Amino acid sequence: MWTENSQGNRVKRANSSRKRLGETRWPMAISESREIEKFDRCAKTYNELMDASVRFSGEDWRYFAEYKITCLKRFGYGKTTRVLDFGCGTGNLTSLLCDHFGEVAGIDPACESLARAREVASRATFWSHPDMAPDSHFDVSVLAGVLHHVPLADRVCVVKQAMSKLRVNGRIVVFEHNPMNPLTRIAVEKCQFDDDAVLLRPSEVRSVLLSAGCSDIRQDYIVFFPKCLAWFRSLELHLRWLPVGAQTLTTAILNQNSPMIS
């Protein structure tokens, strides 16, 4: 079967014979959610809204997106890596992924956000439904600030969907806000599109991945210092055990013995 990328080119979809846990489509609660309408309304002003919410940090949206790229590159990923931005939104992270990695794709149910993503990341392939993307294809599935917008009952299903797109030994990478950091809570309160976000405690992120059948789960704390304390940022790798980082980085590997594969 074939689909189209952002440039209108036909791209072959890979079919997987592996059986997966969970559904392949967006959960009903997401497809009918007000979250989609909200993000579509905010698509054109997303960057401005985000910058306003994190202004006290001295940084803008690009700093936090580039920080995620740095985290991914620490795993040894490079120009041959296939990366899926699962819940890509307006494509800020997707566009930077295209600068550093090989094949890049994005999935998001919000049509206006996806249209914006196609503009800023023209090299990437985009889909509006998980079932349009090939299974067992990507080296990395990234969920950056996605789960706190997903209804509680659907979070495990969404992680299963992201895992289903990975090849064996592929990695799921989940970036989430850390509610244990008071400045993170302030940023979320100031952010218009986070008005009804339900933040996940670090233990809840691990629990969602475990319930989804993930194995080899690892969690680090990241993003510790605002721009005014930037000279301390070289210490952050040594602080990843400290539960006051503004965000969490949680990963898991899809290995041959994973219950996601049968």
Protein backbone atom coordinates (compact mmCIF):
# COMPACT_ATOMS: atom_id res chain seq x y z
CA MET A 1 0.00 0.00 0.00
CA TRP A 2 1.07 3.59 -0.57
CA THR A 3 0.64 6.94 1.15
CA GLU A 4 1.88 10.47 0.44
CA ASN A 5 4.52 12.55 2.18
CA SER A 6 4.33 16.30 2.70
CA GLN A 7 5.65 16.96 -0.79
CA GLY A 8 3.00 14.79 -2.44
CA ASN A 9 5.38 11.98 -3.23
CA ARG A 10 4.18 8.43 -2.94
CA VAL A 11 5.79 6.47 -0.15
CA LYS A 12 5.43 2.73 0.24
CA ARG A 13 3.87 1.56 3.49
CA ALA A 14 5.44 -1.43 5.13
CA ASN A 15 3.14 -4.21 6.27
CA SER A 16 4.07 -6.05 9.44
CA SER A 17 3.25 -9.66 10.16
CA ARG A 18 3.93 -9.15 13.85
CA LYS A 19 0.91 -9.18 16.10
CA ARG A 20 0.63 -6.24 18.46
CA LEU A 21 -1.21 -5.50 21.65
CA GLY A 22 -3.79 -2.73 21.56
CA GLU A 23 -5.73 -0.94 18.83
CA THR A 24 -4.16 0.68 15.79
CA ARG A 25 -6.42 3.73 15.61
CA TRP A 26 -6.68 6.76 17.84
CA PRO A 27 -8.71 5.94 20.95
CA MET A 28 -12.24 7.32 20.70
CA ALA A 29 -11.64 9.69 23.61
CA ILE A 30 -8.81 11.32 21.65
CA SER A 31 -10.52 11.44 18.26
CA GLU A 32 -13.52 13.18 19.83
CA SER A 33 -11.53 15.23 22.31
CA ARG A 34 -11.67 19.00 22.65
CA GLU A 35 -7.88 18.83 22.72
CA ILE A 36 -7.80 18.48 18.94
CA GLU A 37 -10.01 21.53 18.43
CA LYS A 38 -7.93 23.50 20.92
CA PHE A 39 -4.62 22.70 19.23
CA ASP A 40 -6.06 23.52 15.83
CA ARG A 41 -7.15 26.92 17.13
CA CYS A 42 -3.67 27.51 18.53
CA ALA A 43 -1.75 26.18 15.50
CA LYS A 44 -0.86 29.58 14.02
CA THR A 45 0.14 31.12 17.37
CA TYR A 46 1.58 28.01 19.02
CA ASN A 47 5.15 29.31 19.20
CA GLU A 48 4.12 32.65 20.66
CA LEU A 49 1.94 30.97 23.29
CA MET A 50 4.70 28.59 24.28
CA ASP A 51 7.31 31.35 24.42
CA ALA A 52 5.05 33.38 26.70
CA SER A 53 4.63 30.46 29.11
CA VAL A 54 8.40 29.83 29.47
CA ARG A 55 9.59 33.45 29.27
CA PHE A 56 10.79 33.39 32.88
CA SER A 57 13.33 30.72 31.88
CA GLY A 58 15.00 33.15 29.50
CA GLU A 59 14.58 30.68 26.65
CA ASP A 60 12.09 30.09 23.84
CA TRP A 61 10.54 27.00 22.25
CA ARG A 62 13.64 26.34 20.13
CA TYR A 63 15.88 25.81 23.16
CA PHE A 64 13.63 23.08 24.53
CA ALA A 65 13.30 21.40 21.12
CA GLU A 66 17.07 21.46 20.57
CA TYR A 67 17.55 20.06 24.08
CA LYS A 68 15.50 17.02 23.02
CA ILE A 69 17.66 16.60 19.91
CA THR A 70 20.74 16.58 22.13
CA CYS A 71 19.17 13.89 24.32
CA LEU A 72 18.43 11.71 21.29
CA LYS A 73 21.95 12.08 19.90
CA ARG A 74 23.38 10.82 23.19
CA PHE A 75 21.90 7.42 22.28
CA GLY A 76 24.15 7.38 19.24
CA TYR A 77 21.47 8.18 16.67
CA GLY A 78 22.51 9.93 13.46
CA LYS A 79 21.93 10.35 9.76
CA THR A 80 20.79 6.75 9.19
CA THR A 81 18.24 6.77 12.03
CA ARG A 82 14.52 6.52 11.30
CA VAL A 83 12.60 8.72 13.75
CA LEU A 84 8.84 8.96 14.32
CA ASP A 85 7.52 12.09 16.07
CA PHE A 86 4.36 10.60 17.58
CA GLY A 87 2.03 13.51 18.40
CA CYS A 88 4.10 15.98 16.38
CA GLY A 89 1.74 18.94 16.66
CA THR A 90 2.89 21.92 14.59
CA GLY A 91 6.19 20.25 13.76
CA ASN A 92 8.70 22.29 15.76
CA LEU A 93 10.57 19.23 16.94
CA THR A 94 9.98 17.42 13.63
CA SER A 95 11.75 20.17 11.70
CA LEU A 96 14.84 19.87 13.89
CA LEU A 97 14.74 16.07 13.66
CA CYS A 98 15.03 16.48 9.88
CA ASP A 99 18.28 18.41 10.35
CA HIS A 100 19.94 15.65 12.36
CA PHE A 101 18.48 12.27 11.45
CA GLY A 102 17.70 10.19 8.36
CA GLU A 103 14.08 9.33 7.70
CA VAL A 104 11.67 11.45 9.78
CA ALA A 105 7.89 11.16 10.07
CA GLY A 106 5.16 12.64 12.24
CA ILE A 107 1.70 11.61 13.39
CA ASP A 108 -0.95 13.94 14.81
CA PRO A 109 -4.77 13.97 14.80
CA ALA A 110 -5.08 17.79 14.68
CA CYS A 111 -5.49 18.82 11.03
CA GLU A 112 -4.47 22.48 11.32
CA SER A 113 -1.44 21.57 13.41
CA LEU A 114 -0.47 18.94 10.86
CA ALA A 115 -0.80 21.45 8.03
CA ARG A 116 1.59 23.75 9.87
CA ALA A 117 3.98 20.83 10.44
CA ARG A 118 4.06 20.11 6.72
CA GLU A 119 5.10 23.73 6.12
CA VAL A 120 7.98 23.79 8.60
CA ALA A 121 9.24 20.23 8.02
CA SER A 122 8.76 19.63 4.31
CA ARG A 123 11.24 16.73 4.23
CA ALA A 124 9.21 14.69 6.72
CA THR A 125 6.29 12.38 6.00
CA PHE A 126 3.10 13.03 7.97
CA TRP A 127 0.02 11.02 8.82
CA SER A 128 -3.16 11.91 10.70
CA HIS A 129 -3.79 8.36 11.98
CA PRO A 130 -1.41 5.75 13.43
CA ASP A 131 -2.80 3.05 11.13
CA MET A 132 -1.46 5.02 8.13
CA ALA A 133 2.13 4.65 9.32
CA PRO A 134 4.14 1.46 8.73
CA ASP A 135 4.54 -0.98 11.61
CA SER A 136 7.93 -2.32 12.69
CA HIS A 137 9.75 0.38 10.74
CA PHE A 138 11.29 3.08 12.95
CA ASP A 139 14.36 3.09 15.17
CA VAL A 140 12.85 5.63 17.55
CA SER A 141 9.34 6.73 18.49
CA VAL A 142 9.35 10.08 20.28
CA LEU A 143 6.44 11.32 22.40
CA ALA A 144 7.35 14.86 23.40
CA GLY A 145 4.86 16.41 25.79
CA VAL A 146 2.08 14.19 24.48
CA LEU A 147 0.81 12.02 27.32
CA HIS A 148 -0.35 14.86 29.59
CA HIS A 149 -2.86 15.76 26.85
CA VAL A 150 -4.13 12.19 26.52
CA PRO A 151 -7.12 11.07 28.63
CA LEU A 152 -5.96 8.90 31.52
CA ALA A 153 -7.69 5.76 30.27
CA ASP A 154 -6.06 6.04 26.82
CA ARG A 155 -2.42 6.62 27.73
CA VAL A 156 -1.43 2.96 27.67
CA CYS A 157 -3.10 2.51 24.28
CA VAL A 158 -1.23 5.49 22.83
CA VAL A 159 2.11 4.11 24.03
CA LYS A 160 1.27 0.74 22.47
CA GLN A 161 0.54 2.50 19.19
CA ALA A 162 3.90 4.27 19.29
CA MET A 163 5.68 1.01 20.15
CA SER A 164 3.97 -0.82 17.27
CA LYS A 165 5.85 1.39 14.81
CA LEU A 166 9.27 0.28 16.12
CA ARG A 167 11.53 -2.38 14.70
CA VAL A 168 13.05 -4.91 17.10
CA ASN A 169 15.56 -3.14 19.37
CA GLY A 170 13.89 0.17 18.59
CA ARG A 171 13.45 2.69 21.39
CA ILE A 172 10.47 4.67 22.63
CA VAL A 173 11.46 8.06 24.10
CA VAL A 174 8.94 9.94 26.25
CA PHE A 175 9.52 13.54 27.30
CA GLU A 176 7.10 14.81 29.94
CA HIS A 177 6.76 17.78 32.27
CA ASN A 178 7.79 17.03 35.82
CA PRO A 179 5.12 18.27 38.27
CA MET A 180 7.64 17.93 41.11
CA ASN A 181 9.33 21.07 39.74
CA PRO A 182 7.42 24.20 40.89
CA LEU A 183 8.56 26.26 37.88
CA THR A 184 7.19 23.60 35.56
CA ARG A 185 3.80 23.91 37.20
CA ILE A 186 3.94 27.68 36.75
CA ALA A 187 4.78 27.30 33.05
CA VAL A 188 1.87 24.89 32.56
CA GLU A 189 -0.52 27.23 34.36
CA LYS A 190 0.56 30.09 32.09
CA CYS A 191 0.21 28.07 28.90
CA GLN A 192 -3.11 28.45 27.07
CA PHE A 193 -3.01 25.00 25.46
CA ASP A 194 -2.08 23.33 28.75
CA ASP A 195 -5.15 24.66 30.56
CA ASP A 196 -6.61 21.20 31.15
CA ALA A 197 -3.40 19.15 31.00
CA VAL A 198 -3.07 16.39 33.60
CA LEU A 199 0.64 16.11 34.40
CA LEU A 200 2.18 12.72 35.08
CA ARG A 201 4.38 12.13 38.08
CA PRO A 202 7.63 10.38 37.10
CA SER A 203 6.36 7.12 38.59
CA GLU A 204 3.18 7.42 36.48
CA VAL A 205 5.19 7.70 33.27
CA ARG A 206 7.07 4.54 34.17
CA SER A 207 3.82 2.81 35.07
CA VAL A 208 2.22 3.68 31.71
CA LEU A 209 5.19 2.24 29.82
CA LEU A 210 5.18 -0.87 31.99
CA SER A 211 1.44 -1.38 31.49
CA ALA A 212 1.95 -1.02 27.74
CA GLY A 213 4.31 -3.99 27.79
CA CYS A 214 7.56 -2.01 27.60
CA SER A 215 10.77 -3.42 29.03
CA ASP A 216 14.22 -2.05 29.87
CA ILE A 217 12.63 1.15 31.19
CA ARG A 218 15.00 3.94 32.18
CA GLN A 219 14.15 7.40 33.48
CA ASP A 220 16.26 10.56 33.82
CA TYR A 221 15.49 14.07 35.01
CA ILE A 222 16.43 16.82 32.58
CA VAL A 223 16.31 20.63 32.11
CA PHE A 224 17.56 22.06 35.39
CA PHE A 225 18.86 25.59 34.84
CA PRO A 226 17.31 28.74 33.34
CA LYS A 227 19.33 30.90 30.98
CA CYS A 228 20.58 33.13 33.79
CA LEU A 229 22.32 30.05 35.26
CA ALA A 230 23.42 28.63 31.92
CA TRP A 231 27.02 28.21 33.09
CA PHE A 232 25.80 25.34 35.29
CA ARG A 233 24.20 23.41 32.42
CA SER A 234 27.33 21.33 31.88
CA LEU A 235 26.47 19.66 35.19
CA GLU A 236 23.05 18.45 34.08
CA LEU A 237 24.22 15.01 32.96
CA HIS A 238 25.42 14.44 36.51
CA LEU A 239 22.07 15.52 37.97
CA ARG A 240 19.76 13.21 36.04
CA TRP A 241 19.01 11.28 39.25
CA LEU A 242 17.73 14.45 40.97
CA PRO A 243 13.90 14.60 40.83
CA VAL A 244 13.64 18.37 40.43
CA GLY A 245 14.44 18.61 36.73
CA ALA A 246 11.77 20.49 34.81
CA GLN A 247 11.13 17.44 32.61
CA THR A 248 11.56 13.70 32.62
CA LEU A 249 13.13 11.58 29.88
CA THR A 250 11.81 8.01 30.00
CA THR A 251 12.89 5.35 27.53
CA ALA A 252 12.24 1.68 26.81
CA ILE A 253 13.55 -0.82 24.29
CA LEU A 254 11.44 -3.08 22.08
CA ASN A 255 13.54 -6.25 22.24
CA GLN A 256 12.81 -9.71 20.87
CA ASN A 257 11.46 -10.89 24.21
CA SER A 258 9.12 -7.94 24.68
CA PRO A 259 5.46 -8.85 25.28
CA MET A 260 4.68 -6.36 22.50
CA ILE A 261 5.87 -9.03 20.07
CA SER A 262 4.15 -12.38 19.74
